[in-house]
Every structure is written in C-alpha cells, then in structure tokens.
Amino acid sequence: MMVPLSWYILLGVVLFVIGAAGVLLRRNILVVLMSLELLLNSVNINFIAFGRYYDDFRGQIFAIFVIAITAAEVAVALGILVALVRNKSTLKVDDVTMMKG
C-alpha cells in the first residue's frame, strides 16, 4: 500500500504551523530553536515526498543540504546561547538586548 502524496503534504503543513507558532509565540530561546528545527524538518518532508512522487533524487539532495545547514545553524546558535546565558543569565528573548546596535 502506497501512502498518497497529500498525506505527506498535510504532515508537512501541520509541522510547519506548529513550528511557526512556536517561533512567533514562545519567549524561550531554546523553544524558538526547536521550533525552527520543526520548520526545517517540515520542508525536508515535503522535499523527500515530492522527490519520491516524481521519481527524482533532487528532493533528497536538497533535504541533505537542509540538514547540513541546520546542523551548522544549531552549532552557531548554541554557541551564541551559551555566551548570552553567561552574560545575561536568562533564556528569555525579551530580556536579551545585548545585540542591539
């Protein structure tokens, strides 16, 4: 039995909405980073689903690039997060104004 493409699209949309709500509504930096991961994973699901549907490997290749970029983003973001926690002792987005110019 083959799962229809619409189910994958629906799963991607649900994950994207949950991730976007987490980015827009939450104030904890760690929750915002996890929500960004959900956004990028929903994009990966759609890339792979469309690649499978059209019998093309480009969707999987794009998904691998997104995973690599996500790993680099998480490494940089966690480094910045550790520096902010050492300087400000908080994880709330509203309390961090150190980066203002």
N, C-alpha and C. Protein backbone atom coordinates (compact mmCIF):
# COMPACT_ATOMS: atom_id res chain seq x y z
N MET A 1 0.84 -1.19 0.00
CA MET A 1 0.00 0.00 0.00
C MET A 1 0.88 1.24 0.00
N MET A 2 0.59 2.14 -0.89
CA MET A 2 1.38 3.35 -1.00
C MET A 2 0.63 4.52 -0.36
N VAL A 3 1.36 5.29 0.43
CA VAL A 3 0.77 6.45 1.10
C VAL A 3 0.66 7.58 0.08
N PRO A 4 -0.52 8.21 -0.03
CA PRO A 4 -0.67 9.29 -1.02
C PRO A 4 0.17 10.52 -0.66
N LEU A 5 0.50 11.27 -1.69
CA LEU A 5 1.32 12.47 -1.53
C LEU A 5 0.64 13.50 -0.63
N SER A 6 -0.67 13.56 -0.69
CA SER A 6 -1.40 14.56 0.11
C SER A 6 -1.20 14.36 1.61
N TRP A 7 -1.00 13.13 2.05
CA TRP A 7 -0.76 12.89 3.47
C TRP A 7 0.58 13.48 3.91
N TYR A 8 1.58 13.34 3.05
CA TYR A 8 2.89 13.92 3.36
C TYR A 8 2.82 15.45 3.38
N ILE A 9 2.08 16.01 2.44
CA ILE A 9 1.92 17.46 2.41
C ILE A 9 1.19 17.93 3.66
N LEU A 10 0.16 17.20 4.06
CA LEU A 10 -0.59 17.56 5.27
C LEU A 10 0.31 17.48 6.50
N LEU A 11 1.12 16.45 6.59
CA LEU A 11 2.07 16.33 7.72
C LEU A 11 3.05 17.49 7.72
N GLY A 12 3.57 17.84 6.54
CA GLY A 12 4.49 18.97 6.45
C GLY A 12 3.83 20.28 6.85
N VAL A 13 2.58 20.47 6.44
CA VAL A 13 1.87 21.70 6.80
C VAL A 13 1.62 21.77 8.30
N VAL A 14 1.23 20.65 8.90
CA VAL A 14 0.99 20.63 10.35
C VAL A 14 2.27 20.95 11.11
N LEU A 15 3.38 20.32 10.73
CA LEU A 15 4.66 20.60 11.39
C LEU A 15 5.08 22.05 11.19
N PHE A 16 4.84 22.58 9.98
CA PHE A 16 5.22 23.96 9.70
C PHE A 16 4.41 24.92 10.55
N VAL A 17 3.12 24.68 10.70
CA VAL A 17 2.26 25.56 11.51
C VAL A 17 2.67 25.49 12.98
N ILE A 18 2.96 24.29 13.48
CA ILE A 18 3.40 24.16 14.87
C ILE A 18 4.73 24.89 15.08
N GLY A 19 5.65 24.74 14.15
CA GLY A 19 6.94 25.42 14.25
C GLY A 19 6.80 26.93 14.17
N ALA A 20 5.96 27.42 13.25
CA ALA A 20 5.77 28.86 13.11
C ALA A 20 5.11 29.44 14.36
N ALA A 21 4.16 28.71 14.93
CA ALA A 21 3.52 29.18 16.16
C ALA A 21 4.53 29.22 17.30
N GLY A 22 5.42 28.24 17.36
CA GLY A 22 6.44 28.23 18.40
C GLY A 22 7.42 29.38 18.26
N VAL A 23 7.79 29.71 17.03
CA VAL A 23 8.70 30.84 16.82
C VAL A 23 8.04 32.15 17.17
N LEU A 24 6.78 32.31 16.80
CA LEU A 24 6.10 33.59 17.00
C LEU A 24 5.56 33.79 18.41
N LEU A 25 5.20 32.72 19.10
CA LEU A 25 4.51 32.86 20.38
C LEU A 25 5.38 32.60 21.61
N ARG A 26 6.42 31.85 21.47
CA ARG A 26 7.23 31.49 22.64
C ARG A 26 8.31 32.54 22.90
N ARG A 27 8.73 32.63 24.15
CA ARG A 27 9.74 33.61 24.54
C ARG A 27 11.04 32.97 25.01
N ASN A 28 11.09 31.65 25.09
CA ASN A 28 12.30 30.95 25.50
C ASN A 28 13.14 30.66 24.25
N ILE A 29 14.41 30.99 24.31
CA ILE A 29 15.28 30.85 23.14
C ILE A 29 15.41 29.39 22.72
N LEU A 30 15.46 28.47 23.66
CA LEU A 30 15.58 27.05 23.31
C LEU A 30 14.33 26.56 22.59
N VAL A 31 13.16 27.00 23.03
CA VAL A 31 11.92 26.60 22.37
C VAL A 31 11.86 27.19 20.96
N VAL A 32 12.35 28.41 20.80
CA VAL A 32 12.39 29.02 19.47
C VAL A 32 13.32 28.22 18.55
N LEU A 33 14.46 27.78 19.05
CA LEU A 33 15.37 26.97 18.23
C LEU A 33 14.74 25.63 17.86
N MET A 34 14.04 25.00 18.79
CA MET A 34 13.37 23.74 18.47
C MET A 34 12.25 23.96 17.46
N SER A 35 11.58 25.09 17.53
CA SER A 35 10.53 25.41 16.57
C SER A 35 11.12 25.63 15.18
N LEU A 36 12.28 26.26 15.12
CA LEU A 36 12.96 26.41 13.83
C LEU A 36 13.33 25.04 13.23
N GLU A 37 13.72 24.12 14.10
CA GLU A 37 14.01 22.76 13.63
C GLU A 37 12.75 22.12 13.05
N LEU A 38 11.61 22.32 13.70
CA LEU A 38 10.36 21.78 13.15
C LEU A 38 10.05 22.37 11.79
N LEU A 39 10.28 23.67 11.64
CA LEU A 39 10.05 24.30 10.33
C LEU A 39 10.91 23.65 9.26
N LEU A 40 12.17 23.48 9.55
CA LEU A 40 13.08 22.91 8.55
C LEU A 40 12.79 21.43 8.29
N ASN A 41 12.36 20.69 9.30
CA ASN A 41 12.00 19.29 9.09
C ASN A 41 10.74 19.15 8.26
N SER A 42 9.81 20.09 8.40
CA SER A 42 8.61 20.03 7.56
C SER A 42 8.97 20.27 6.10
N VAL A 43 9.92 21.15 5.86
CA VAL A 43 10.39 21.37 4.50
C VAL A 43 11.08 20.11 3.96
N ASN A 44 11.86 19.44 4.80
CA ASN A 44 12.52 18.20 4.38
C ASN A 44 11.51 17.12 4.02
N ILE A 45 10.44 16.99 4.79
CA ILE A 45 9.41 16.00 4.49
C ILE A 45 8.82 16.27 3.11
N ASN A 46 8.54 17.54 2.82
CA ASN A 46 7.97 17.86 1.52
C ASN A 46 8.97 17.64 0.38
N PHE A 47 10.24 17.99 0.59
CA PHE A 47 11.25 17.74 -0.43
C PHE A 47 11.31 16.25 -0.77
N ILE A 48 11.39 15.42 0.24
CA ILE A 48 11.52 13.98 0.02
C ILE A 48 10.24 13.40 -0.57
N ALA A 49 9.08 13.87 -0.11
CA ALA A 49 7.82 13.35 -0.65
C ALA A 49 7.67 13.70 -2.13
N PHE A 50 7.97 14.93 -2.49
CA PHE A 50 7.85 15.31 -3.90
C PHE A 50 8.91 14.61 -4.74
N GLY A 51 10.10 14.42 -4.20
CA GLY A 51 11.12 13.69 -4.92
C GLY A 51 10.71 12.25 -5.16
N ARG A 52 10.10 11.64 -4.18
CA ARG A 52 9.62 10.26 -4.33
C ARG A 52 8.46 10.19 -5.32
N TYR A 53 7.58 11.17 -5.26
CA TYR A 53 6.41 11.19 -6.13
C TYR A 53 6.81 11.32 -7.60
N TYR A 54 7.80 12.15 -7.87
CA TYR A 54 8.24 12.38 -9.24
C TYR A 54 9.44 11.50 -9.64
N ASP A 55 9.81 10.53 -8.80
CA ASP A 55 10.96 9.65 -9.06
C ASP A 55 12.21 10.44 -9.41
N ASP A 56 12.54 11.39 -8.56
CA ASP A 56 13.70 12.25 -8.79
C ASP A 56 14.49 12.34 -7.49
N PHE A 57 15.79 12.29 -7.57
CA PHE A 57 16.64 12.34 -6.38
C PHE A 57 16.93 13.75 -5.91
N ARG A 58 16.51 14.74 -6.65
CA ARG A 58 16.82 16.12 -6.26
C ARG A 58 16.18 16.50 -4.94
N GLY A 59 15.01 15.98 -4.64
CA GLY A 59 14.37 16.26 -3.35
C GLY A 59 15.21 15.76 -2.19
N GLN A 60 15.76 14.57 -2.33
CA GLN A 60 16.62 14.02 -1.28
C GLN A 60 17.92 14.80 -1.16
N ILE A 61 18.45 15.24 -2.28
CA ILE A 61 19.69 16.03 -2.25
C ILE A 61 19.45 17.36 -1.54
N PHE A 62 18.34 18.02 -1.86
CA PHE A 62 18.01 19.27 -1.18
C PHE A 62 17.80 19.03 0.31
N ALA A 63 17.17 17.92 0.68
CA ALA A 63 16.95 17.61 2.09
C ALA A 63 18.28 17.42 2.82
N ILE A 64 19.24 16.78 2.17
CA ILE A 64 20.56 16.61 2.79
C ILE A 64 21.24 17.96 2.99
N PHE A 65 21.12 18.87 2.01
CA PHE A 65 21.68 20.21 2.17
C PHE A 65 21.00 20.95 3.33
N VAL A 66 19.68 20.81 3.43
CA VAL A 66 18.96 21.48 4.53
C VAL A 66 19.41 20.92 5.87
N ILE A 67 19.63 19.62 5.96
CA ILE A 67 20.10 19.02 7.21
C ILE A 67 21.49 19.54 7.55
N ALA A 68 22.37 19.67 6.57
CA ALA A 68 23.72 20.18 6.83
C ALA A 68 23.67 21.64 7.28
N ILE A 69 22.86 22.44 6.62
CA ILE A 69 22.73 23.85 7.03
C ILE A 69 22.11 23.95 8.42
N THR A 70 21.18 23.09 8.72
CA THR A 70 20.55 23.08 10.05
C THR A 70 21.57 22.73 11.12
N ALA A 71 22.44 21.77 10.86
CA ALA A 71 23.47 21.41 11.84
C ALA A 71 24.40 22.58 12.10
N ALA A 72 24.78 23.29 11.05
CA ALA A 72 25.65 24.46 11.24
C ALA A 72 24.91 25.56 12.00
N GLU A 73 23.64 25.76 11.69
CA GLU A 73 22.84 26.78 12.38
C GLU A 73 22.71 26.47 13.86
N VAL A 74 22.50 25.21 14.19
CA VAL A 74 22.35 24.82 15.59
C VAL A 74 23.68 25.01 16.33
N ALA A 75 24.79 24.68 15.70
CA ALA A 75 26.08 24.86 16.36
C ALA A 75 26.35 26.33 16.66
N VAL A 76 26.09 27.20 15.70
CA VAL A 76 26.30 28.63 15.92
C VAL A 76 25.32 29.18 16.94
N ALA A 77 24.06 28.77 16.84
CA ALA A 77 23.04 29.28 17.76
C ALA A 77 23.31 28.84 19.20
N LEU A 78 23.73 27.61 19.39
CA LEU A 78 24.03 27.16 20.75
C LEU A 78 25.26 27.87 21.32
N GLY A 79 26.24 28.17 20.47
CA GLY A 79 27.39 28.95 20.93
C GLY A 79 26.98 30.34 21.37
N ILE A 80 26.14 30.99 20.58
CA ILE A 80 25.63 32.31 20.96
C ILE A 80 24.79 32.21 22.22
N LEU A 81 23.99 31.15 22.33
CA LEU A 81 23.14 30.96 23.50
C LEU A 81 23.96 30.79 24.78
N VAL A 82 25.04 30.03 24.71
CA VAL A 82 25.90 29.86 25.89
C VAL A 82 26.52 31.20 26.29
N ALA A 83 26.95 31.98 25.32
CA ALA A 83 27.53 33.30 25.63
C ALA A 83 26.48 34.23 26.24
N LEU A 84 25.25 34.19 25.74
CA LEU A 84 24.20 35.04 26.29
C LEU A 84 23.83 34.63 27.70
N VAL A 85 23.78 33.33 27.96
CA VAL A 85 23.44 32.87 29.30
C VAL A 85 24.53 33.25 30.29
N ARG A 86 25.78 33.20 29.87
CA ARG A 86 26.87 33.61 30.76
C ARG A 86 26.82 35.10 31.06
N ASN A 87 26.44 35.91 30.08
CA ASN A 87 26.43 37.35 30.27
C ASN A 87 25.14 37.86 30.90
N LYS A 88 24.00 37.32 30.51
CA LYS A 88 22.71 37.83 30.95
C LYS A 88 21.99 36.94 31.95
N SER A 89 22.36 35.68 32.07
CA SER A 89 21.73 34.71 32.97
C SER A 89 20.23 34.57 32.71
N THR A 90 19.83 34.57 31.47
CA THR A 90 18.43 34.39 31.12
C THR A 90 18.31 33.70 29.78
N LEU A 91 17.16 33.04 29.57
CA LEU A 91 16.87 32.41 28.30
C LEU A 91 15.67 33.05 27.61
N LYS A 92 15.18 34.15 28.14
CA LYS A 92 14.02 34.80 27.56
C LYS A 92 14.45 35.73 26.43
N VAL A 93 13.70 35.70 25.34
CA VAL A 93 14.03 36.50 24.17
C VAL A 93 13.89 37.98 24.48
N ASP A 94 12.91 38.35 25.28
CA ASP A 94 12.66 39.77 25.59
C ASP A 94 13.76 40.40 26.43
N ASP A 95 14.42 39.60 27.26
CA ASP A 95 15.45 40.13 28.15
C ASP A 95 16.80 40.32 27.48
N VAL A 96 16.97 39.76 26.31
CA VAL A 96 18.25 39.81 25.62
C VAL A 96 18.25 41.01 24.66
N THR A 97 18.94 42.06 25.05
CA THR A 97 19.07 43.24 24.19
C THR A 97 20.52 43.57 23.93
N MET A 98 21.40 42.61 24.19
CA MET A 98 22.83 42.84 24.05
C MET A 98 23.23 43.06 22.59
N MET A 99 22.50 42.48 21.64
CA MET A 99 22.88 42.55 20.24
C MET A 99 22.41 43.83 19.56
N LYS A 100 21.69 44.67 20.27
CA LYS A 100 21.22 45.93 19.65
C LYS A 100 22.41 46.83 19.38
N GLY A 101 22.30 47.57 18.27
CA GLY A 101 23.41 48.41 17.86
C GLY A 101 23.28 49.80 18.22
